[in-house]
Amino acid sequence: MTNLFAKAGIAALIALGGISATAVTASANDFHPGIQQVRYDHHRGRACSPVLAVRKARDMGLHRARINNVTPRRVVVEGFGRRGHDRVVFANVPGCPLIRR
């Protein structure tokens, strides 16, 4: 009978340890719905620099150009062109080639 209580106690400790570990993992998420954070890729030489993307957009005639979004594949720059609000999309590779205007 003592052996049965010992096994039940060990099983209860293992179960409580598992619950506390999952609670810490679940609360570590920093996601806030409705808030979009712009993240820059700081790997020089492997990606399009946000500074270079803004400079190229200004050379293309975009006024008040600013970074809107950076993903592993593209860099989006927004500003104002001749007809109002405009957006330019560059590939996130060295040299920032134009994808879409």
Protein backbone atom coordinates (compact mmCIF):
# COMPACT_ATOMS: atom_id res chain seq x y z
CA MET A 1 0.00 0.00 0.00
CA THR A 2 2.86 2.37 0.78
CA ASN A 3 4.35 1.66 -2.64
CA LEU A 4 1.09 2.75 -4.31
CA PHE A 5 1.06 6.08 -2.41
CA ALA A 6 4.71 6.71 -3.31
CA LYS A 7 4.03 6.14 -7.01
CA ALA A 8 0.96 8.39 -6.91
CA GLY A 9 2.95 11.13 -5.19
CA ILE A 10 5.73 10.98 -7.79
CA ALA A 11 3.17 11.07 -10.62
CA ALA A 12 1.54 14.15 -9.05
CA LEU A 13 4.91 15.95 -8.78
CA ILE A 14 5.70 15.20 -12.43
CA ALA A 15 2.27 16.47 -13.52
CA LEU A 16 2.63 19.72 -11.53
CA GLY A 17 6.11 20.28 -12.94
CA GLY A 18 4.79 19.89 -16.47
CA ILE A 19 1.98 22.38 -15.91
CA SER A 20 4.31 25.06 -14.53
CA ALA A 21 6.73 24.65 -17.46
CA THR A 22 3.98 25.14 -20.06
CA ALA A 23 2.63 28.23 -18.27
CA VAL A 24 6.02 29.97 -18.44
CA THR A 25 6.38 29.13 -22.14
CA ALA A 26 2.90 30.43 -22.98
CA SER A 27 3.43 33.75 -21.20
CA ALA A 28 6.73 34.45 -23.01
CA ASN A 29 4.88 35.57 -26.16
CA ASP A 30 5.24 39.33 -26.81
CA PHE A 31 2.49 39.49 -29.45
CA HIS A 32 0.22 42.52 -29.17
CA PRO A 33 -2.70 42.48 -31.60
CA GLY A 34 -3.13 45.73 -33.50
CA ILE A 35 0.49 46.82 -33.08
CA GLN A 36 2.80 46.20 -36.00
CA GLN A 37 6.49 46.36 -35.25
CA VAL A 38 8.94 47.09 -38.04
CA ARG A 39 12.01 44.92 -37.77
CA TYR A 40 15.21 45.56 -39.63
CA ASP A 41 17.59 42.88 -40.81
CA HIS A 42 21.06 43.88 -39.66
CA HIS A 43 23.00 41.35 -41.74
CA ARG A 44 25.21 43.56 -43.86
CA GLY A 45 25.96 42.28 -47.35
CA ARG A 46 23.19 39.69 -47.37
CA ALA A 47 20.18 42.02 -47.39
CA CYS A 48 18.91 45.35 -48.62
CA SER A 49 19.85 48.11 -46.21
CA PRO A 50 16.83 50.21 -45.13
CA VAL A 51 18.95 53.34 -45.60
CA LEU A 52 19.74 52.33 -49.20
CA ALA A 53 16.07 51.53 -49.89
CA VAL A 54 14.96 54.98 -48.68
CA ARG A 55 17.73 56.64 -50.69
CA LYS A 56 16.70 54.78 -53.86
CA ALA A 57 13.03 55.66 -53.29
CA ARG A 58 13.93 59.35 -52.92
CA ASP A 59 15.94 59.16 -56.14
CA MET A 60 12.82 57.75 -57.82
CA GLY A 61 10.86 60.87 -56.81
CA LEU A 62 9.25 59.78 -53.53
CA HIS A 63 9.02 62.64 -51.01
CA ARG A 64 9.06 62.03 -47.23
CA ALA A 65 10.08 58.42 -47.88
CA ARG A 66 10.12 56.11 -44.85
CA ILE A 67 10.35 52.37 -44.19
CA ASN A 68 6.92 50.77 -43.81
CA ASN A 69 7.76 47.07 -43.53
CA VAL A 70 10.80 44.79 -43.70
CA THR A 71 10.42 41.05 -44.30
CA PRO A 72 12.99 38.42 -45.26
CA ARG A 73 11.96 38.86 -48.92
CA ARG A 74 11.10 42.53 -49.35
CA VAL A 75 11.51 46.07 -48.05
CA VAL A 76 8.49 48.38 -48.41
CA VAL A 77 9.07 52.16 -48.54
CA GLU A 78 6.13 54.60 -48.40
CA GLY A 79 6.00 58.29 -49.16
CA PHE A 80 4.36 60.84 -51.44
CA GLY A 81 4.71 61.00 -55.21
CA ARG A 82 3.18 63.35 -57.78
CA ARG A 83 -0.29 61.83 -57.42
CA GLY A 84 -0.32 61.50 -53.62
CA HIS A 85 0.48 58.57 -51.38
CA ASP A 86 2.79 56.05 -53.08
CA ARG A 87 4.59 52.83 -52.19
CA VAL A 88 7.77 51.26 -53.57
CA VAL A 89 8.74 47.62 -52.92
CA PHE A 90 12.36 46.46 -53.11
CA ALA A 91 13.74 42.92 -52.90
CA ASN A 92 15.60 42.24 -49.66
CA VAL A 93 18.86 41.27 -51.38
CA PRO A 94 22.10 43.25 -51.87
CA GLY A 95 21.58 46.25 -54.12
CA CYS A 96 17.83 46.53 -53.39
CA PRO A 97 16.41 45.74 -56.84
CA LEU A 98 12.94 47.16 -57.54
CA ILE A 99 10.03 44.70 -57.36
CA ARG A 100 6.99 46.96 -57.64
CA ARG A 101 6.18 50.64 -57.77
